[in-house]
Amino acid sequence: MRFKLLILFSFFFVSFNHSELHSREALVSVERISKAKMSFASIESNAKAIDEIVIKSEIEGKITEIFKNEGEEVKQNEVIAVIDDIKYLAKYKSAQEKLFSMESKLKKSSLKLKRFDELFSKEIISNQEYDEALYDHNSSLSDFNSLLEELKQAKIELDNCYIKSPFNGIVSNKYINVGEFVSKDSKIVEITNNEKIEIPLYVPKNYLPFINEGDQVEVKLSGGRKYFSKIGKIVRKIDKSLGTFLVKIYILEKNDIISGEDVVVKLSIKPPINSFKVNKDSVNNEDGKKIIFKVKNNKVYPIEIVIVDLQDNYYIATGKIKENDIIVVDGNESLRPQQPIKILRYLK
């Protein structure tokens, strides 16, 4: 009998204590939820000239002249350097002479074929005689076309003796000197046009949903220089090893940016619709879920949220919350659903 009374007493004591704990007021600090606003992310990168090329030799030969050095401006199609053209000029003239000779032969065969065509129609000449004239003409035409291609190739090689700039810019690198022998594919010069600039940005993947092509950006450089542009291209592919995606900024108006110069690009990060700022300290991790405690009528109620971004000491989150909701920021570690609370202070 005493054993049964002891069990009942113990059960009553535990139940009483559980009820007491459940009804005991928790002392907490709270904060009001505010609407998420646009934030900014600054990302470092390097400027890159859109028009930049290393010109390589298309032929072999000795450098006989150089007209431009590093840092000097060049115009489109301006000659920068010359490769000795003696053998290429001779080859071109030889191809010309062969073509002129074959052109004369082709004209004769064409006239003969025309005459034989009339004679054949009048049955004055035989089938064999006409076929021979047709064969001679076609053979001459084929030889003429082959020589014409030979002349074109010789002209290309002769033109390649004169190294020209494909666009306006500066000589950013020079790889040769007068008197040096260059082979095919040897580097001659590098030409850079700084008037058109591309800035590649490697942006953290969590920003992908919040930026768009056409969004305004600010580009900062040394010496307080600043330019405004837009996001030109977003490459929607995540680099898994880096956790980033590629964004390209273009500056196409007149500028003093130098290719390779360090830049800092300020991106505008737009928050999702119906998202709110939630203090980091208010969030509990429970079974893989993010839980906050919302205060209503001096009691707390757990609310699950989804975190989409982090701004300083605040999460940007969505869920069944709204602006000015009061949530527990301090003292939330051991709260239970519908537990009474006593607010010690408002943090915000």
C-alpha atoms as a PDB file:
ATOM      1  CA  MET A   1       0.000   0.000   0.000  1.00  0.00           C
ATOM      2  CA  ARG A   2       2.842   2.391   0.913  1.00  0.00           C
ATOM      3  CA  PHE A   3       4.509   1.530  -2.449  1.00  0.00           C
ATOM      4  CA  LYS A   4       1.323   2.488  -4.383  1.00  0.00           C
ATOM      5  CA  LEU A   5       1.027   5.776  -2.486  1.00  0.00           C
ATOM      6  CA  LEU A   6       4.649   6.553  -3.273  1.00  0.00           C
ATOM      7  CA  ILE A   7       4.080   5.989  -7.015  1.00  0.00           C
ATOM      8  CA  LEU A   8       0.970   8.196  -6.987  1.00  0.00           C
ATOM      9  CA  PHE A   9       2.806  10.924  -5.107  1.00  0.00           C
ATOM     10  CA  SER A  10       5.721  10.789  -7.538  1.00  0.00           C
ATOM     11  CA  PHE A  11       3.362  10.975 -10.513  1.00  0.00           C
ATOM     12  CA  PHE A  12       1.532  13.950  -8.961  1.00  0.00           C
ATOM     13  CA  PHE A  13       4.860  15.693  -8.227  1.00  0.00           C
ATOM     14  CA  VAL A  14       6.153  15.254 -11.810  1.00  0.00           C
ATOM     15  CA  SER A  15       2.835  16.357 -13.317  1.00  0.00           C
ATOM     16  CA  PHE A  16       2.740  19.361 -11.019  1.00  0.00           C
ATOM     17  CA  ASN A  17       6.295  20.367 -11.895  1.00  0.00           C
ATOM     18  CA  HIS A  18       5.680  19.905 -15.635  1.00  0.00           C
ATOM     19  CA  SER A  19       2.570  22.064 -15.418  1.00  0.00           C
ATOM     20  CA  GLU A  20       4.445  24.635 -13.382  1.00  0.00           C
ATOM     21  CA  LEU A  21       7.302  24.766 -15.898  1.00  0.00           C
ATOM     22  CA  HIS A  22       4.854  25.086 -18.748  1.00  0.00           C
ATOM     23  CA  SER A  23       3.053  27.999 -17.106  1.00  0.00           C
ATOM     24  CA  ARG A  24       6.162  29.750 -15.806  1.00  0.00           C
ATOM     25  CA  GLU A  25       6.865  33.060 -17.549  1.00  0.00           C
ATOM     26  CA  ALA A  26      10.062  33.094 -19.590  1.00  0.00           C
ATOM     27  CA  LEU A  27      12.070  36.295 -19.479  1.00  0.00           C
ATOM     28  CA  VAL A  28      12.873  37.385 -23.035  1.00  0.00           C
ATOM     29  CA  SER A  29      14.063  40.231 -25.215  1.00  0.00           C
ATOM     30  CA  VAL A  30      12.133  40.843 -28.394  1.00  0.00           C
ATOM     31  CA  GLU A  31      12.368  42.697 -31.682  1.00  0.00           C
ATOM     32  CA  ARG A  32       9.960  43.747 -34.398  1.00  0.00           C
ATOM     33  CA  ILE A  33      10.324  42.222 -37.840  1.00  0.00           C
ATOM     34  CA  SER A  34      10.996  44.715 -40.626  1.00  0.00           C
ATOM     35  CA  LYS A  35      10.552  44.396 -44.368  1.00  0.00           C
ATOM     36  CA  ALA A  36      13.634  43.365 -46.321  1.00  0.00           C
ATOM     37  CA  LYS A  37      15.156  46.195 -48.308  1.00  0.00           C
ATOM     38  CA  MET A  38      17.558  46.331 -51.200  1.00  0.00           C
ATOM     39  CA  SER A  39      21.121  45.566 -50.170  1.00  0.00           C
ATOM     40  CA  PHE A  40      24.443  45.851 -51.920  1.00  0.00           C
ATOM     41  CA  ALA A  41      27.350  43.512 -52.583  1.00  0.00           C
ATOM     42  CA  SER A  42      30.830  44.714 -53.514  1.00  0.00           C
ATOM     43  CA  ILE A  43      32.863  42.307 -55.625  1.00  0.00           C
ATOM     44  CA  GLU A  44      36.487  42.727 -56.683  1.00  0.00           C
ATOM     45  CA  SER A  45      37.607  42.025 -60.238  1.00  0.00           C
ATOM     46  CA  ASN A  46      39.889  43.208 -63.042  1.00  0.00           C
ATOM     47  CA  ALA A  47      39.033  45.288 -66.088  1.00  0.00           C
ATOM     48  CA  LYS A  48      39.571  43.595 -69.429  1.00  0.00           C
ATOM     49  CA  ALA A  49      39.741  45.201 -72.876  1.00  0.00           C
ATOM     50  CA  ILE A  50      37.100  43.726 -75.178  1.00  0.00           C
ATOM     51  CA  ASP A  51      39.362  44.376 -78.179  1.00  0.00           C
ATOM     52  CA  GLU A  52      42.743  42.885 -77.360  1.00  0.00           C
ATOM     53  CA  ILE A  53      44.771  40.653 -79.633  1.00  0.00           C
ATOM     54  CA  VAL A  54      48.238  39.187 -79.996  1.00  0.00           C
ATOM     55  CA  ILE A  55      49.142  39.488 -83.680  1.00  0.00           C
ATOM     56  CA  LYS A  56      51.159  36.522 -84.952  1.00  0.00           C
ATOM     57  CA  SER A  57      53.118  36.136 -88.135  1.00  0.00           C
ATOM     58  CA  GLU A  58      51.353  34.339 -90.979  1.00  0.00           C
ATOM     59  CA  ILE A  59      54.640  33.808 -92.835  1.00  0.00           C
ATOM     60  CA  GLU A  60      58.346  33.395 -92.107  1.00  0.00           C
ATOM     61  CA  GLY A  61      61.072  35.918 -92.779  1.00  0.00           C
ATOM     62  CA  LYS A  62      63.305  38.634 -91.359  1.00  0.00           C
ATOM     63  CA  ILE A  63      61.899  41.738 -89.678  1.00  0.00           C
ATOM     64  CA  THR A  64      63.091  44.707 -91.733  1.00  0.00           C
ATOM     65  CA  GLU A  65      61.153  47.580 -90.171  1.00  0.00           C
ATOM     66  CA  ILE A  66      59.253  48.387 -86.966  1.00  0.00           C
ATOM     67  CA  PHE A  67      57.170  51.560 -86.885  1.00  0.00           C
ATOM     68  CA  LYS A  68      55.579  51.332 -83.421  1.00  0.00           C
ATOM     69  CA  ASN A  69      56.818  50.584 -79.910  1.00  0.00           C
ATOM     70  CA  GLU A  70      55.044  49.773 -76.613  1.00  0.00           C
ATOM     71  CA  GLY A  71      52.642  52.451 -75.460  1.00  0.00           C
ATOM     72  CA  GLU A  72      52.279  54.089 -78.866  1.00  0.00           C
ATOM     73  CA  GLU A  73      48.871  54.518 -80.473  1.00  0.00           C
ATOM     74  CA  VAL A  74      47.955  52.769 -83.688  1.00  0.00           C
ATOM     75  CA  LYS A  75      45.047  53.220 -86.078  1.00  0.00           C
ATOM     76  CA  GLN A  76      43.048  50.466 -87.703  1.00  0.00           C
ATOM     77  CA  ASN A  77      44.964  49.009 -90.708  1.00  0.00           C
ATOM     78  CA  GLU A  78      48.096  51.004 -89.848  1.00  0.00           C
ATOM     79  CA  VAL A  79      51.364  49.133 -90.605  1.00  0.00           C
ATOM     80  CA  ILE A  80      53.252  48.287 -87.404  1.00  0.00           C
ATOM     81  CA  ALA A  81      56.113  46.170 -88.755  1.00  0.00           C
ATOM     82  CA  VAL A  82      57.419  44.716 -92.034  1.00  0.00           C
ATOM     83  CA  ILE A  83      58.784  41.270 -92.886  1.00  0.00           C
ATOM     84  CA  ASP A  84      61.247  41.093 -95.793  1.00  0.00           C
ATOM     85  CA  ASP A  85      59.005  40.794 -98.882  1.00  0.00           C
ATOM     86  CA  ILE A  86      61.570  40.049-101.616  1.00  0.00           C
ATOM     87  CA  LYS A  87      60.752  36.354-102.124  1.00  0.00           C
ATOM     88  CA  TYR A  88      57.024  36.904-101.654  1.00  0.00           C
ATOM     89  CA  LEU A  89      57.001  39.721-104.217  1.00  0.00           C
ATOM     90  CA  ALA A  90      58.885  37.510-106.685  1.00  0.00           C
ATOM     91  CA  LYS A  91      56.413  34.678-106.092  1.00  0.00           C
ATOM     92  CA  TYR A  92      53.492  37.064-106.674  1.00  0.00           C
ATOM     93  CA  LYS A  93      54.943  38.426-109.936  1.00  0.00           C
ATOM     94  CA  SER A  94      55.642  34.896-111.178  1.00  0.00           C
ATOM     95  CA  ALA A  95      52.050  33.859-110.447  1.00  0.00           C
ATOM     96  CA  GLN A  96      50.821  36.979-112.266  1.00  0.00           C
ATOM     97  CA  GLU A  97      52.848  36.144-115.398  1.00  0.00           C
ATOM     98  CA  LYS A  98      51.634  32.536-115.423  1.00  0.00           C
ATOM     99  CA  LEU A  99      48.047  33.684-115.083  1.00  0.00           C
ATOM    100  CA  PHE A 100      48.356  36.260-117.883  1.00  0.00           C
ATOM    101  CA  SER A 101      49.824  33.583-120.172  1.00  0.00           C
ATOM    102  CA  MET A 102      47.061  31.119-119.328  1.00  0.00           C
ATOM    103  CA  GLU A 103      44.426  33.842-119.767  1.00  0.00           C
ATOM    104  CA  SER A 104      45.590  34.275-123.370  1.00  0.00           C
ATOM    105  CA  LYS A 105      45.442  30.528-123.957  1.00  0.00           C
ATOM    106  CA  LEU A 106      41.956  30.367-122.433  1.00  0.00           C
ATOM    107  CA  LYS A 107      40.675  33.114-124.730  1.00  0.00           C
ATOM    108  CA  LYS A 108      41.959  31.197-127.768  1.00  0.00           C
ATOM    109  CA  SER A 109      40.356  27.945-126.626  1.00  0.00           C
ATOM    110  CA  SER A 110      37.095  29.770-125.917  1.00  0.00           C
ATOM    111  CA  LEU A 111      37.016  31.276-129.445  1.00  0.00           C
ATOM    112  CA  LYS A 112      37.888  27.896-130.969  1.00  0.00           C
ATOM    113  CA  LEU A 113      35.105  26.178-129.014  1.00  0.00           C
ATOM    114  CA  LYS A 114      32.611  28.815-130.128  1.00  0.00           C
ATOM    115  CA  ARG A 115      33.643  28.341-133.770  1.00  0.00           C
ATOM    116  CA  PHE A 116      33.541  24.546-133.497  1.00  0.00           C
ATOM    117  CA  ASP A 117      30.117  24.757-131.881  1.00  0.00           C
ATOM    118  CA  GLU A 118      28.761  26.512-135.010  1.00  0.00           C
ATOM    119  CA  LEU A 119      30.507  24.023-137.329  1.00  0.00           C
ATOM    120  CA  PHE A 120      29.213  21.057-135.355  1.00  0.00           C
ATOM    121  CA  SER A 121      25.641  22.396-135.509  1.00  0.00           C
ATOM    122  CA  LYS A 122      26.008  22.511-139.315  1.00  0.00           C
ATOM    123  CA  GLU A 123      27.512  19.013-139.316  1.00  0.00           C
ATOM    124  CA  ILE A 124      30.733  20.288-140.902  1.00  0.00           C
ATOM    125  CA  ILE A 125      32.970  18.734-138.237  1.00  0.00           C
ATOM    126  CA  SER A 126      32.793  15.381-136.519  1.00  0.00           C
ATOM    127  CA  ASN A 127      31.807  14.541-132.992  1.00  0.00           C
ATOM    128  CA  GLN A 128      35.425  13.718-132.169  1.00  0.00           C
ATOM    129  CA  GLU A 129      36.730  17.077-133.386  1.00  0.00           C
ATOM    130  CA  TYR A 130      34.134  18.942-131.285  1.00  0.00           C
ATOM    131  CA  ASP A 131      34.881  16.850-128.189  1.00  0.00           C
ATOM    132  CA  GLU A 132      38.604  17.559-128.555  1.00  0.00           C
ATOM    133  CA  ALA A 133      37.945  21.327-128.728  1.00  0.00           C
ATOM    134  CA  LEU A 134      35.652  21.097-125.686  1.00  0.00           C
ATOM    135  CA  TYR A 135      38.281  19.111-123.757  1.00  0.00           C
ATOM    136  CA  ASP A 136      41.011  21.647-124.608  1.00  0.00           C
ATOM    137  CA  HIS A 137      38.821  24.508-123.432  1.00  0.00           C
ATOM    138  CA  ASN A 138      37.852  22.825-120.156  1.00  0.00           C
ATOM    139  CA  SER A 139      41.475  21.918-119.506  1.00  0.00           C
ATOM    140  CA  SER A 140      42.558  25.534-120.103  1.00  0.00           C
ATOM    141  CA  LEU A 141      39.761  26.784-117.835  1.00  0.00           C
ATOM    142  CA  SER A 142      40.823  24.400-115.054  1.00  0.00           C
ATOM    143  CA  ASP A 143      44.462  25.490-115.382  1.00  0.00           C
ATOM    144  CA  PHE A 144      43.390  29.135-115.336  1.00  0.00           C
ATOM    145  CA  ASN A 145      41.370  28.654-112.116  1.00  0.00           C
ATOM    146  CA  SER A 146      44.304  26.851-110.440  1.00  0.00           C
ATOM    147  CA  LEU A 147      46.668  29.675-111.366  1.00  0.00           C
ATOM    148  CA  LEU A 148      44.150  32.239-110.162  1.00  0.00           C
ATOM    149  CA  GLU A 149      44.082  30.552-106.727  1.00  0.00           C
ATOM    150  CA  GLU A 150      47.881  30.478-106.769  1.00  0.00           C
ATOM    151  CA  LEU A 151      47.940  34.223-107.452  1.00  0.00           C
ATOM    152  CA  LYS A 152      45.440  34.892-104.656  1.00  0.00           C
ATOM    153  CA  GLN A 153      47.578  32.906-102.201  1.00  0.00           C
ATOM    154  CA  ALA A 154      50.712  34.733-103.324  1.00  0.00           C
ATOM    155  CA  LYS A 155      48.909  38.057-102.805  1.00  0.00           C
ATOM    156  CA  ILE A 156      47.865  37.012 -99.270  1.00  0.00           C
ATOM    157  CA  GLU A 157      51.458  36.069 -98.420  1.00  0.00           C
ATOM    158  CA  LEU A 158      52.741  39.361 -99.828  1.00  0.00           C
ATOM    159  CA  ASP A 159      50.152  41.323 -97.819  1.00  0.00           C
ATOM    160  CA  ASN A 160      51.162  39.368 -94.715  1.00  0.00           C
ATOM    161  CA  CYS A 161      54.617  40.911 -94.948  1.00  0.00           C
ATOM    162  CA  TYR A 162      53.013  44.099 -93.667  1.00  0.00           C
ATOM    163  CA  ILE A 163      51.830  43.624 -90.074  1.00  0.00           C
ATOM    164  CA  LYS A 164      48.732  45.801 -89.556  1.00  0.00           C
ATOM    165  CA  SER A 165      46.547  46.637 -86.574  1.00  0.00           C
ATOM    166  CA  PRO A 166      42.991  45.226 -86.857  1.00  0.00           C
ATOM    167  CA  PHE A 167      41.570  48.110 -84.763  1.00  0.00           C
ATOM    168  CA  ASN A 168      42.466  51.380 -83.043  1.00  0.00           C
ATOM    169  CA  GLY A 169      44.446  50.972 -79.851  1.00  0.00           C
ATOM    170  CA  ILE A 170      47.912  50.949 -78.359  1.00  0.00           C
ATOM    171  CA  VAL A 171      50.853  48.587 -78.676  1.00  0.00           C
ATOM    172  CA  SER A 172      50.683  46.925 -75.254  1.00  0.00           C
ATOM    173  CA  ASN A 173      53.467  44.408 -75.973  1.00  0.00           C
ATOM    174  CA  LYS A 174      56.189  44.088 -78.638  1.00  0.00           C
ATOM    175  CA  TYR A 175      57.817  40.694 -79.099  1.00  0.00           C
ATOM    176  CA  ILE A 176      60.248  41.328 -82.002  1.00  0.00           C
ATOM    177  CA  ASN A 177      63.195  43.509 -83.042  1.00  0.00           C
ATOM    178  CA  VAL A 178      64.562  44.633 -86.413  1.00  0.00           C
ATOM    179  CA  GLY A 179      66.765  41.950 -87.980  1.00  0.00           C
ATOM    180  CA  GLU A 180      65.175  39.036 -86.148  1.00  0.00           C
ATOM    181  CA  PHE A 181      63.908  36.036 -88.085  1.00  0.00           C
ATOM    182  CA  VAL A 182      60.316  35.045 -87.369  1.00  0.00           C
ATOM    183  CA  SER A 183      58.592  31.812 -88.271  1.00  0.00           C
ATOM    184  CA  LYS A 184      54.906  31.237 -88.876  1.00  0.00           C
ATOM    185  CA  ASP A 185      52.833  31.804 -85.689  1.00  0.00           C
ATOM    186  CA  SER A 186      55.587  33.858 -84.037  1.00  0.00           C
ATOM    187  CA  LYS A 187      54.256  36.622 -81.778  1.00  0.00           C
ATOM    188  CA  ILE A 188      54.755  40.087 -83.263  1.00  0.00           C
ATOM    189  CA  VAL A 189      52.834  42.597 -81.101  1.00  0.00           C
ATOM    190  CA  GLU A 190      49.850  42.818 -78.780  1.00  0.00           C
ATOM    191  CA  ILE A 191      47.258  45.508 -79.511  1.00  0.00           C
ATOM    192  CA  THR A 192      44.865  46.712 -76.789  1.00  0.00           C
ATOM    193  CA  ASN A 193      41.903  49.032 -77.174  1.00  0.00           C
ATOM    194  CA  ASN A 194      40.914  50.377 -73.743  1.00  0.00           C
ATOM    195  CA  GLU A 195      37.874  52.254 -75.067  1.00  0.00           C
ATOM    196  CA  LYS A 196      35.630  49.207 -74.630  1.00  0.00           C
ATOM    197  CA  ILE A 197      35.923  47.435 -71.279  1.00  0.00           C
ATOM    198  CA  GLU A 198      34.524  44.142 -70.008  1.00  0.00           C
ATOM    199  CA  ILE A 199      34.510  43.295 -66.297  1.00  0.00           C
ATOM    200  CA  PRO A 200      33.948  39.626 -65.412  1.00  0.00           C
ATOM    201  CA  LEU A 201      32.488  39.102 -61.931  1.00  0.00           C
ATOM    202  CA  TYR A 202      32.352  35.813 -60.058  1.00  0.00           C
ATOM    203  CA  VAL A 203      29.285  36.265 -57.872  1.00  0.00           C
ATOM    204  CA  PRO A 204      28.303  33.977 -54.932  1.00  0.00           C
ATOM    205  CA  LYS A 205      25.583  31.570 -56.039  1.00  0.00           C
ATOM    206  CA  ASN A 206      23.080  32.709 -53.369  1.00  0.00           C
ATOM    207  CA  TYR A 207      22.718  36.031 -55.243  1.00  0.00           C
ATOM    208  CA  LEU A 208      21.583  34.392 -58.493  1.00  0.00           C
ATOM    209  CA  PRO A 209      17.813  34.793 -57.857  1.00  0.00           C
ATOM    210  CA  PHE A 210      18.190  38.448 -56.852  1.00  0.00           C
ATOM    211  CA  ILE A 211      19.977  40.090 -59.796  1.00  0.00           C
ATOM    212  CA  ASN A 212      18.970  40.524 -63.435  1.00  0.00           C
ATOM    213  CA  GLU A 213      20.482  41.630 -66.704  1.00  0.00           C
ATOM    214  CA  GLY A 214      20.030  45.394 -67.004  1.00  0.00           C
ATOM    215  CA  ASP A 215      20.397  46.080 -63.265  1.00  0.00           C
ATOM    216  CA  GLN A 216      22.412  49.210 -62.478  1.00  0.00           C
ATOM    217  CA  VAL A 217      25.940  48.763 -61.087  1.00  0.00           C
ATOM    218  CA  GLU A 218      28.633  51.090 -59.807  1.00  0.00           C
ATOM    219  CA  VAL A 219      32.262  50.525 -60.793  1.00  0.00           C
ATOM    220  CA  LYS A 220      34.917  51.966 -58.470  1.00  0.00           C
ATOM    221  CA  LEU A 221      38.590  52.373 -59.346  1.00  0.00           C
ATOM    222  CA  SER A 222      41.708  53.817 -57.747  1.00  0.00           C
ATOM    223  CA  GLY A 223      41.933  57.557 -57.237  1.00  0.00           C
ATOM    224  CA  GLY A 224      38.211  57.874 -56.531  1.00  0.00           C
ATOM    225  CA  ARG A 225      37.245  57.237 -60.153  1.00  0.00           C
ATOM    226  CA  LYS A 226      33.749  55.916 -60.633  1.00  0.00           C
ATOM    227  CA  TYR A 227      31.593  54.725 -63.538  1.00  0.00           C
ATOM    228  CA  PHE A 228      27.978  53.588 -63.730  1.00  0.00           C
ATOM    229  CA  SER A 229      26.886  50.770 -65.988  1.00  0.00           C
ATOM    230  CA  LYS A 230      24.490  47.819 -66.151  1.00  0.00           C
ATOM    231  CA  ILE A 231      24.718  44.059 -65.890  1.00  0.00           C
ATOM    232  CA  GLY A 232      25.269  43.037 -69.491  1.00  0.00           C
ATOM    233  CA  LYS A 233      25.171  39.275 -69.187  1.00  0.00           C
ATOM    234  CA  ILE A 234      24.468  36.631 -66.550  1.00  0.00           C
ATOM    235  CA  VAL A 235      25.827  33.149 -67.223  1.00  0.00           C
ATOM    236  CA  ARG A 236      23.312  30.973 -65.401  1.00  0.00           C
ATOM    237  CA  LYS A 237      25.671  28.143 -64.517  1.00  0.00           C
ATOM    238  CA  ILE A 238      27.095  27.498 -61.058  1.00  0.00           C
ATOM    239  CA  ASP A 239      30.774  26.661 -60.727  1.00  0.00           C
ATOM    240  CA  LYS A 240      30.486  23.905 -58.100  1.00  0.00           C
ATOM    241  CA  SER A 241      34.117  24.126 -57.019  1.00  0.00           C
ATOM    242  CA  LEU A 242      33.912  27.881 -56.331  1.00  0.00           C
ATOM    243  CA  GLY A 243      30.191  28.265 -55.573  1.00  0.00           C
ATOM    244  CA  THR A 244      29.942  31.207 -57.966  1.00  0.00           C
ATOM    245  CA  PHE A 245      28.388  32.168 -61.285  1.00  0.00           C
ATOM    246  CA  LEU A 246      29.700  34.558 -63.959  1.00  0.00           C
ATOM    247  CA  VAL A 247      28.334  38.064 -64.503  1.00  0.00           C
ATOM    248  CA  LYS A 248      29.689  40.438 -67.172  1.00  0.00           C
ATOM    249  CA  ILE A 249      29.696  44.228 -66.985  1.00  0.00           C
ATOM    250  CA  TYR A 250      30.449  46.346 -70.057  1.00  0.00           C
ATOM    251  CA  ILE A 251      31.668  49.939 -70.168  1.00  0.00           C
ATOM    252  CA  LEU A 252      31.407  51.098 -73.759  1.00  0.00           C
ATOM    253  CA  GLU A 253      31.484  54.891 -73.365  1.00  0.00           C
ATOM    254  CA  LYS A 254      34.710  56.896 -73.279  1.00  0.00           C
ATOM    255  CA  ASN A 255      36.718  56.058 -70.137  1.00  0.00           C
ATOM    256  CA  ASP A 256      40.198  56.106 -68.621  1.00  0.00           C
ATOM    257  CA  ILE A 257      40.138  52.482 -67.443  1.00  0.00           C
ATOM    258  CA  ILE A 258      43.229  50.434 -68.240  1.00  0.00           C
ATOM    259  CA  SER A 259      43.007  46.755 -69.154  1.00  0.00           C
ATOM    260  CA  GLY A 260      44.083  44.677 -66.135  1.00  0.00           C
ATOM    261  CA  GLU A 261      43.269  47.435 -63.621  1.00  0.00           C
ATOM    262  CA  ASP A 262      41.714  46.451 -60.276  1.00  0.00           C
ATOM    263  CA  VAL A 263      38.045  47.396 -59.906  1.00  0.00           C
ATOM    264  CA  VAL A 264      35.311  46.977 -57.296  1.00  0.00           C
ATOM    265  CA  VAL A 265      31.774  46.534 -58.616  1.00  0.00           C
ATOM    266  CA  LYS A 266      28.806  47.376 -56.376  1.00  0.00           C
ATOM    267  CA  LEU A 267      25.768  45.205 -57.171  1.00  0.00           C
ATOM    268  CA  SER A 268      22.207  45.946 -56.074  1.00  0.00           C
ATOM    269  CA  ILE A 269      20.639  42.865 -54.457  1.00  0.00           C
ATOM    270  CA  LYS A 270      16.854  42.892 -54.644  1.00  0.00           C
ATOM    271  CA  PRO A 271      15.132  40.845 -51.913  1.00  0.00           C
ATOM    272  CA  PRO A 272      12.350  38.391 -52.819  1.00  0.00           C
ATOM    273  CA  ILE A 273       8.738  39.572 -52.627  1.00  0.00           C
ATOM    274  CA  ASN A 274       7.260  39.186 -49.109  1.00  0.00           C
ATOM    275  CA  SER A 275      10.640  38.685 -47.466  1.00  0.00           C
ATOM    276  CA  PHE A 276      11.652  40.127 -44.099  1.00  0.00           C
ATOM    277  CA  LYS A 277      14.674  40.886 -41.946  1.00  0.00           C
ATOM    278  CA  VAL A 278      14.966  38.448 -39.059  1.00  0.00           C
ATOM    279  CA  ASN A 279      17.620  38.809 -36.363  1.00  0.00           C
ATOM    280  CA  LYS A 280      20.077  35.897 -36.502  1.00  0.00           C
ATOM    281  CA  ASP A 281      19.805  35.386 -32.729  1.00  0.00           C
ATOM    282  CA  SER A 282      16.074  34.723 -32.995  1.00  0.00           C
ATOM    283  CA  VAL A 283      16.508  31.584 -35.111  1.00  0.00           C
ATOM    284  CA  ASN A 284      16.619  28.082 -33.588  1.00  0.00           C
ATOM    285  CA  ASN A 285      17.641  24.963 -35.498  1.00  0.00           C
ATOM    286  CA  GLU A 286      15.148  22.178 -34.827  1.00  0.00           C
ATOM    287  CA  ASP A 287      15.291  18.939 -36.815  1.00  0.00           C
ATOM    288  CA  GLY A 288      16.763  20.706 -39.835  1.00  0.00           C
ATOM    289  CA  LYS A 289      14.155  23.471 -39.713  1.00  0.00           C
ATOM    290  CA  LYS A 290      14.650  27.151 -38.957  1.00  0.00           C
ATOM    291  CA  ILE A 291      12.252  28.160 -36.167  1.00  0.00           C
ATOM    292  CA  ILE A 292      11.506  31.549 -34.630  1.00  0.00           C
ATOM    293  CA  PHE A 293       9.103  32.331 -31.765  1.00  0.00           C
ATOM    294  CA  LYS A 294       6.436  34.897 -32.485  1.00  0.00           C
ATOM    295  CA  VAL A 295       4.861  36.758 -29.556  1.00  0.00           C
ATOM    296  CA  LYS A 296       1.097  37.116 -29.351  1.00  0.00           C
ATOM    297  CA  ASN A 297      -0.897  37.971 -26.219  1.00  0.00           C
ATOM    298  CA  ASN A 298       2.180  37.430 -24.041  1.00  0.00           C
ATOM    299  CA  LYS A 299       2.660  33.898 -25.304  1.00  0.00           C
ATOM    300  CA  VAL A 300       5.031  32.478 -27.888  1.00  0.00           C
ATOM    301  CA  TYR A 301       4.232  30.474 -30.996  1.00  0.00           C
ATOM    302  CA  PRO A 302       6.840  28.663 -33.140  1.00  0.00           C
ATOM    303  CA  ILE A 303       6.987  29.698 -36.798  1.00  0.00           C
ATOM    304  CA  GLU A 304       9.050  27.958 -39.462  1.00  0.00           C
ATOM    305  CA  ILE A 305      10.916  30.276 -41.826  1.00  0.00           C
ATOM    306  CA  VAL A 306      13.001  29.844 -44.978  1.00  0.00           C
ATOM    307  CA  ILE A 307      16.290  31.749 -45.074  1.00  0.00           C
ATOM    308  CA  VAL A 308      17.246  33.145 -48.478  1.00  0.00           C
ATOM    309  CA  ASP A 309      20.114  35.508 -47.656  1.00  0.00           C
ATOM    310  CA  LEU A 310      22.291  36.954 -44.914  1.00  0.00           C
ATOM    311  CA  GLN A 311      22.791  40.701 -44.426  1.00  0.00           C
ATOM    312  CA  ASP A 312      25.086  41.626 -41.570  1.00  0.00           C
ATOM    313  CA  ASN A 313      23.386  40.340 -38.387  1.00  0.00           C
ATOM    314  CA  TYR A 314      20.061  39.627 -40.106  1.00  0.00           C
ATOM    315  CA  TYR A 315      18.644  36.832 -42.199  1.00  0.00           C
ATOM    316  CA  ILE A 316      16.419  37.637 -45.142  1.00  0.00           C
ATOM    317  CA  ALA A 317      13.601  35.150 -44.713  1.00  0.00           C
ATOM    318  CA  THR A 318      10.143  34.165 -45.881  1.00  0.00           C
ATOM    319  CA  GLY A 319       7.376  32.365 -44.027  1.00  0.00           C
ATOM    320  CA  LYS A 320       4.157  33.030 -42.139  1.00  0.00           C
ATOM    321  CA  ILE A 321       5.453  36.347 -40.836  1.00  0.00           C
ATOM    322  CA  LYS A 322       4.743  39.970 -41.596  1.00  0.00           C
ATOM    323  CA  GLU A 323       6.137  43.407 -40.913  1.00  0.00           C
ATOM    324  CA  ASN A 324       6.016  44.493 -37.224  1.00  0.00           C
ATOM    325  CA  ASP A 325       5.514  40.963 -35.924  1.00  0.00           C
ATOM    326  CA  ILE A 326       7.240  40.664 -32.529  1.00  0.00           C
ATOM    327  CA  ILE A 327       9.724  37.816 -32.213  1.00  0.00           C
ATOM    328  CA  VAL A 328      11.950  36.597 -29.395  1.00  0.00           C
ATOM    329  CA  VAL A 329      15.626  37.431 -29.855  1.00  0.00           C
ATOM    330  CA  ASP A 330      17.087  36.565 -26.451  1.00  0.00           C
ATOM    331  CA  GLY A 331      15.820  33.807 -24.141  1.00  0.00           C
ATOM    332  CA  ASN A 332      14.454  31.668 -26.970  1.00  0.00           C
ATOM    333  CA  GLU A 333      16.703  28.649 -26.413  1.00  0.00           C
ATOM    334  CA  SER A 334      14.290  26.608 -24.254  1.00  0.00           C
ATOM    335  CA  LEU A 335      10.885  28.084 -25.124  1.00  0.00           C
ATOM    336  CA  ARG A 336       7.884  25.844 -25.691  1.00  0.00           C
ATOM    337  CA  PRO A 337       4.784  26.494 -27.803  1.00  0.00           C
ATOM    338  CA  GLN A 338       2.270  28.813 -26.071  1.00  0.00           C
ATOM    339  CA  GLN A 339       4.568  29.393 -23.118  1.00  0.00           C
ATOM    340  CA  PRO A 340       3.849  32.681 -21.310  1.00  0.00           C
ATOM    341  CA  ILE A 341       6.641  35.238 -21.548  1.00  0.00           C
ATOM    342  CA  LYS A 342       7.640  38.464 -19.890  1.00  0.00           C
ATOM    343  CA  ILE A 343       9.308  41.031 -22.141  1.00  0.00           C
ATOM    344  CA  LEU A 344      12.335  42.556 -20.488  1.00  0.00           C
ATOM    345  CA  ARG A 345      13.206  44.869 -23.368  1.00  0.00           C
ATOM    346  CA  TYR A 346      12.591  45.698 -27.004  1.00  0.00           C
ATOM    347  CA  LEU A 347      15.809  45.574 -29.018  1.00  0.00           C
ATOM    348  CA  LYS A 348      14.290  47.418 -31.931  1.00  0.00           C
END
